[in-house]
Amino acid sequence: MRALRRELREELSFEFTDARFFIELEFDLAGLGLDRYYRKYYLVPMTFAEVDCLRLTEGVKFAAFDGDTMLGSLDLSPYDAFALFLHARGFRIAKHV
C-alpha cells in the first residue's frame, strides 16, 4: 500500500484516503527460463473534482477512460487488460460446480 500511495503522490500529486485490494495475478515464467512475477491491483475511488485536480508530474500526459473504451480501443499490456476485464466484466466468469 505504501508503494501505491507513493506512486500516486509522485506521478499525479494525488493523496487518497481509501484503497481496496482487487486482485493479484501471478505469472510463472519458469517454462521460459524466467522467474515468477506478481502484479497487484487496487481500486482507488476518486471523485470528478479530484480528477480535475490531478497534476501530472511524471510522463507525457494522462487521461481517464471508461472500461469499454479501454478494453475496446486502447493498446494495453495483456495483464493490465485482463485485470481491467475482471473488474469491468467479471460477472461473466462463473464458478463451475
N, C-alpha and C. Protein backbone atom coordinates (compact mmCIF):
# COMPACT_ATOMS: atom_id res chain seq x y z
N MET A 1 0.83 -1.20 0.00
CA MET A 1 0.00 0.00 0.00
C MET A 1 0.87 1.26 0.00
N ARG A 2 2.03 1.16 0.64
CA ARG A 2 2.92 2.32 0.66
C ARG A 2 3.39 2.68 -0.74
N ALA A 3 3.69 1.65 -1.54
CA ALA A 3 4.16 1.91 -2.91
C ALA A 3 3.06 2.57 -3.74
N LEU A 4 1.82 2.11 -3.59
CA LEU A 4 0.69 2.71 -4.30
C LEU A 4 0.53 4.17 -3.90
N ARG A 5 0.57 4.44 -2.62
CA ARG A 5 0.44 5.82 -2.12
C ARG A 5 1.56 6.70 -2.68
N ARG A 6 2.80 6.19 -2.63
CA ARG A 6 3.96 6.95 -3.11
C ARG A 6 3.84 7.24 -4.60
N GLU A 7 3.47 6.22 -5.40
CA GLU A 7 3.40 6.41 -6.85
C GLU A 7 2.30 7.41 -7.25
N LEU A 8 1.14 7.30 -6.62
CA LEU A 8 0.08 8.25 -6.96
C LEU A 8 0.45 9.68 -6.54
N ARG A 9 1.16 9.79 -5.43
CA ARG A 9 1.62 11.11 -4.99
C ARG A 9 2.67 11.66 -5.95
N GLU A 10 3.65 10.83 -6.29
CA GLU A 10 4.75 11.29 -7.15
C GLU A 10 4.31 11.57 -8.58
N GLU A 11 3.44 10.72 -9.13
CA GLU A 11 3.11 10.85 -10.55
C GLU A 11 1.91 11.72 -10.85
N LEU A 12 0.96 11.83 -9.90
CA LEU A 12 -0.26 12.60 -10.16
C LEU A 12 -0.59 13.62 -9.08
N SER A 13 0.27 13.74 -8.08
CA SER A 13 0.01 14.63 -6.94
C SER A 13 -1.33 14.30 -6.29
N PHE A 14 -1.61 13.02 -6.15
CA PHE A 14 -2.89 12.58 -5.59
C PHE A 14 -2.67 11.86 -4.27
N GLU A 15 -3.39 12.31 -3.26
CA GLU A 15 -3.38 11.66 -1.94
C GLU A 15 -4.74 11.02 -1.74
N PHE A 16 -4.78 9.70 -1.63
CA PHE A 16 -6.06 9.02 -1.46
C PHE A 16 -6.29 8.69 0.00
N THR A 17 -7.57 8.52 0.32
CA THR A 17 -7.94 8.14 1.69
C THR A 17 -8.42 6.70 1.75
N ASP A 18 -8.77 6.14 0.59
CA ASP A 18 -9.32 4.80 0.57
C ASP A 18 -8.75 4.04 -0.62
N ALA A 19 -8.32 2.82 -0.39
CA ALA A 19 -7.88 1.93 -1.47
C ALA A 19 -8.25 0.51 -1.04
N ARG A 20 -8.76 -0.24 -1.99
CA ARG A 20 -9.19 -1.60 -1.68
C ARG A 20 -8.47 -2.56 -2.62
N PHE A 21 -7.89 -3.60 -2.03
CA PHE A 21 -7.24 -4.63 -2.83
C PHE A 21 -8.27 -5.25 -3.77
N PHE A 22 -7.90 -5.41 -5.02
CA PHE A 22 -8.80 -6.01 -6.00
C PHE A 22 -8.36 -7.42 -6.38
N ILE A 23 -7.14 -7.55 -6.90
CA ILE A 23 -6.70 -8.85 -7.39
C ILE A 23 -5.17 -8.88 -7.46
N GLU A 24 -4.62 -10.07 -7.33
CA GLU A 24 -3.20 -10.28 -7.57
C GLU A 24 -3.06 -11.35 -8.64
N LEU A 25 -2.27 -11.06 -9.64
CA LEU A 25 -2.02 -12.00 -10.72
C LEU A 25 -0.59 -12.49 -10.61
N GLU A 26 -0.40 -13.79 -10.79
CA GLU A 26 0.92 -14.38 -10.75
C GLU A 26 1.25 -14.95 -12.13
N PHE A 27 2.45 -14.65 -12.58
CA PHE A 27 2.91 -15.16 -13.86
C PHE A 27 4.14 -16.01 -13.60
N ASP A 28 3.99 -17.31 -13.78
CA ASP A 28 5.09 -18.23 -13.58
C ASP A 28 5.72 -18.49 -14.95
N LEU A 29 6.87 -17.89 -15.18
CA LEU A 29 7.53 -17.99 -16.48
C LEU A 29 8.71 -18.95 -16.45
N ALA A 30 8.67 -19.90 -15.51
CA ALA A 30 9.76 -20.88 -15.39
C ALA A 30 9.95 -21.67 -16.68
N GLY A 31 8.87 -21.95 -17.38
CA GLY A 31 8.97 -22.68 -18.64
C GLY A 31 9.77 -21.93 -19.69
N LEU A 32 9.94 -20.64 -19.49
CA LEU A 32 10.74 -19.81 -20.40
C LEU A 32 12.12 -19.53 -19.84
N GLY A 33 12.41 -20.18 -18.69
CA GLY A 33 13.70 -19.93 -18.04
C GLY A 33 13.72 -18.63 -17.27
N LEU A 34 12.54 -18.11 -16.94
CA LEU A 34 12.44 -16.84 -16.21
C LEU A 34 11.84 -17.08 -14.84
N ASP A 35 11.70 -16.03 -14.08
CA ASP A 35 11.18 -16.10 -12.72
C ASP A 35 9.66 -16.01 -12.70
N ARG A 36 9.13 -15.94 -11.49
CA ARG A 36 7.71 -15.65 -11.26
C ARG A 36 7.58 -14.15 -11.05
N TYR A 37 6.50 -13.62 -11.58
CA TYR A 37 6.22 -12.18 -11.43
C TYR A 37 4.82 -12.03 -10.88
N TYR A 38 4.63 -11.01 -10.09
CA TYR A 38 3.34 -10.74 -9.46
C TYR A 38 2.93 -9.31 -9.77
N ARG A 39 1.65 -9.13 -9.97
CA ARG A 39 1.08 -7.78 -10.12
C ARG A 39 -0.13 -7.70 -9.21
N LYS A 40 -0.16 -6.65 -8.40
CA LYS A 40 -1.29 -6.42 -7.52
C LYS A 40 -2.06 -5.21 -8.04
N TYR A 41 -3.38 -5.32 -7.99
CA TYR A 41 -4.26 -4.25 -8.46
C TYR A 41 -5.15 -3.80 -7.31
N TYR A 42 -5.32 -2.51 -7.21
CA TYR A 42 -6.15 -1.91 -6.17
C TYR A 42 -7.19 -1.01 -6.81
N LEU A 43 -8.31 -0.86 -6.14
CA LEU A 43 -9.35 0.09 -6.55
C LEU A 43 -9.20 1.31 -5.66
N VAL A 44 -9.05 2.46 -6.28
CA VAL A 44 -8.90 3.72 -5.54
C VAL A 44 -10.02 4.65 -6.00
N PRO A 45 -11.06 4.81 -5.18
CA PRO A 45 -12.15 5.71 -5.57
C PRO A 45 -11.65 7.15 -5.72
N MET A 46 -12.22 7.84 -6.70
CA MET A 46 -11.82 9.22 -6.96
C MET A 46 -13.03 9.98 -7.48
N THR A 47 -13.26 11.15 -6.94
CA THR A 47 -14.37 11.98 -7.40
C THR A 47 -13.96 12.74 -8.67
N PHE A 48 -14.95 13.26 -9.39
CA PHE A 48 -14.63 14.08 -10.56
C PHE A 48 -13.84 15.31 -10.16
N ALA A 49 -14.14 15.88 -9.00
CA ALA A 49 -13.39 17.04 -8.51
C ALA A 49 -11.94 16.67 -8.28
N GLU A 50 -11.69 15.48 -7.75
CA GLU A 50 -10.31 15.03 -7.54
C GLU A 50 -9.60 14.81 -8.87
N VAL A 51 -10.30 14.26 -9.85
CA VAL A 51 -9.71 14.06 -11.17
C VAL A 51 -9.29 15.41 -11.74
N ASP A 52 -10.14 16.42 -11.58
CA ASP A 52 -9.83 17.76 -12.10
C ASP A 52 -8.61 18.38 -11.43
N CYS A 53 -8.27 17.93 -10.24
CA CYS A 53 -7.14 18.49 -9.50
C CYS A 53 -5.83 17.71 -9.72
N LEU A 54 -5.89 16.61 -10.46
CA LEU A 54 -4.67 15.83 -10.69
C LEU A 54 -3.66 16.67 -11.45
N ARG A 55 -2.40 16.53 -11.07
CA ARG A 55 -1.33 17.25 -11.73
C ARG A 55 -0.25 16.25 -12.13
N LEU A 56 -0.04 16.10 -13.41
CA LEU A 56 0.95 15.16 -13.92
C LEU A 56 2.35 15.66 -13.60
N THR A 57 3.12 14.84 -12.90
CA THR A 57 4.50 15.23 -12.56
C THR A 57 5.52 14.31 -13.22
N GLU A 58 5.08 13.19 -13.75
CA GLU A 58 5.95 12.27 -14.49
C GLU A 58 5.19 11.82 -15.73
N GLY A 59 5.91 11.53 -16.80
CA GLY A 59 5.25 11.09 -18.02
C GLY A 59 4.91 12.26 -18.92
N VAL A 60 4.20 11.94 -20.01
CA VAL A 60 3.88 12.93 -21.03
C VAL A 60 2.46 13.48 -20.87
N LYS A 61 1.50 12.58 -20.65
CA LYS A 61 0.12 13.01 -20.46
C LYS A 61 -0.67 11.89 -19.81
N PHE A 62 -1.86 12.21 -19.35
CA PHE A 62 -2.75 11.20 -18.79
C PHE A 62 -4.17 11.54 -19.18
N ALA A 63 -5.01 10.53 -19.14
CA ALA A 63 -6.43 10.71 -19.47
C ALA A 63 -7.23 9.64 -18.74
N ALA A 64 -8.49 9.89 -18.58
CA ALA A 64 -9.39 8.93 -17.94
C ALA A 64 -10.32 8.36 -19.02
N PHE A 65 -10.59 7.06 -18.94
CA PHE A 65 -11.44 6.38 -19.90
C PHE A 65 -12.39 5.45 -19.17
N ASP A 66 -13.53 5.18 -19.80
CA ASP A 66 -14.42 4.17 -19.23
C ASP A 66 -13.90 2.80 -19.64
N GLY A 67 -14.39 1.77 -18.97
CA GLY A 67 -13.92 0.41 -19.20
C GLY A 67 -14.10 -0.06 -20.63
N ASP A 68 -15.23 0.26 -21.25
CA ASP A 68 -15.48 -0.18 -22.63
C ASP A 68 -14.44 0.40 -23.59
N THR A 69 -14.13 1.68 -23.42
CA THR A 69 -13.13 2.32 -24.28
C THR A 69 -11.77 1.68 -24.06
N MET A 70 -11.43 1.45 -22.80
CA MET A 70 -10.12 0.87 -22.51
C MET A 70 -9.98 -0.53 -23.10
N LEU A 71 -11.03 -1.33 -22.95
CA LEU A 71 -10.97 -2.70 -23.46
C LEU A 71 -11.10 -2.77 -24.97
N GLY A 72 -11.77 -1.80 -25.56
CA GLY A 72 -12.06 -1.88 -26.98
C GLY A 72 -11.10 -1.18 -27.90
N SER A 73 -10.44 -0.11 -27.44
CA SER A 73 -9.67 0.66 -28.41
C SER A 73 -8.30 1.14 -27.92
N LEU A 74 -7.92 0.81 -26.71
CA LEU A 74 -6.60 1.21 -26.24
C LEU A 74 -5.63 0.04 -26.29
N ASP A 75 -4.38 0.35 -26.49
CA ASP A 75 -3.33 -0.67 -26.55
C ASP A 75 -2.78 -0.86 -25.13
N LEU A 76 -3.34 -1.83 -24.42
CA LEU A 76 -2.95 -2.11 -23.04
C LEU A 76 -2.06 -3.34 -22.98
N SER A 77 -1.23 -3.41 -21.95
CA SER A 77 -0.47 -4.64 -21.75
C SER A 77 -1.47 -5.76 -21.47
N PRO A 78 -1.18 -6.98 -21.88
CA PRO A 78 -2.14 -8.07 -21.70
C PRO A 78 -2.56 -8.29 -20.25
N TYR A 79 -1.64 -8.20 -19.30
CA TYR A 79 -2.02 -8.44 -17.91
C TYR A 79 -2.87 -7.30 -17.36
N ASP A 80 -2.59 -6.06 -17.77
CA ASP A 80 -3.44 -4.95 -17.34
C ASP A 80 -4.83 -5.05 -17.97
N ALA A 81 -4.88 -5.47 -19.23
CA ALA A 81 -6.17 -5.64 -19.91
C ALA A 81 -6.99 -6.74 -19.22
N PHE A 82 -6.34 -7.81 -18.78
CA PHE A 82 -7.05 -8.89 -18.10
C PHE A 82 -7.59 -8.42 -16.76
N ALA A 83 -6.80 -7.67 -16.00
CA ALA A 83 -7.28 -7.14 -14.72
C ALA A 83 -8.46 -6.19 -14.95
N LEU A 84 -8.38 -5.37 -15.97
CA LEU A 84 -9.49 -4.47 -16.28
C LEU A 84 -10.73 -5.25 -16.69
N PHE A 85 -10.54 -6.29 -17.50
CA PHE A 85 -11.66 -7.14 -17.90
C PHE A 85 -12.33 -7.74 -16.65
N LEU A 86 -11.53 -8.24 -15.72
CA LEU A 86 -12.10 -8.82 -14.50
C LEU A 86 -12.89 -7.79 -13.71
N HIS A 87 -12.41 -6.57 -13.70
CA HIS A 87 -13.12 -5.52 -12.97
C HIS A 87 -14.41 -5.13 -13.69
N ALA A 88 -14.32 -4.96 -14.99
CA ALA A 88 -15.47 -4.47 -15.76
C ALA A 88 -16.48 -5.56 -16.09
N ARG A 89 -16.00 -6.78 -16.28
CA ARG A 89 -16.88 -7.83 -16.76
C ARG A 89 -16.72 -9.14 -16.01
N GLY A 90 -16.24 -9.06 -14.80
CA GLY A 90 -16.01 -10.25 -14.01
C GLY A 90 -17.27 -11.08 -13.79
N PHE A 91 -18.43 -10.44 -13.93
CA PHE A 91 -19.69 -11.16 -13.78
C PHE A 91 -19.83 -12.25 -14.83
N ARG A 92 -19.05 -12.17 -15.91
CA ARG A 92 -19.14 -13.17 -16.99
C ARG A 92 -18.39 -14.46 -16.62
N ILE A 93 -17.62 -14.41 -15.56
CA ILE A 93 -16.90 -15.61 -15.13
C ILE A 93 -17.70 -16.26 -14.04
N ALA A 94 -18.14 -17.48 -14.28
CA ALA A 94 -18.99 -18.19 -13.32
C ALA A 94 -18.22 -19.34 -12.72
N LYS A 95 -18.53 -19.63 -11.48
CA LYS A 95 -17.95 -20.82 -10.84
C LYS A 95 -18.63 -22.03 -11.43
N HIS A 96 -17.84 -23.03 -11.75
CA HIS A 96 -18.38 -24.28 -12.26
C HIS A 96 -18.55 -25.26 -11.10
N VAL A 97 -19.69 -25.85 -11.01
CA VAL A 97 -19.97 -26.78 -9.92
C VAL A 97 -19.75 -28.20 -10.37
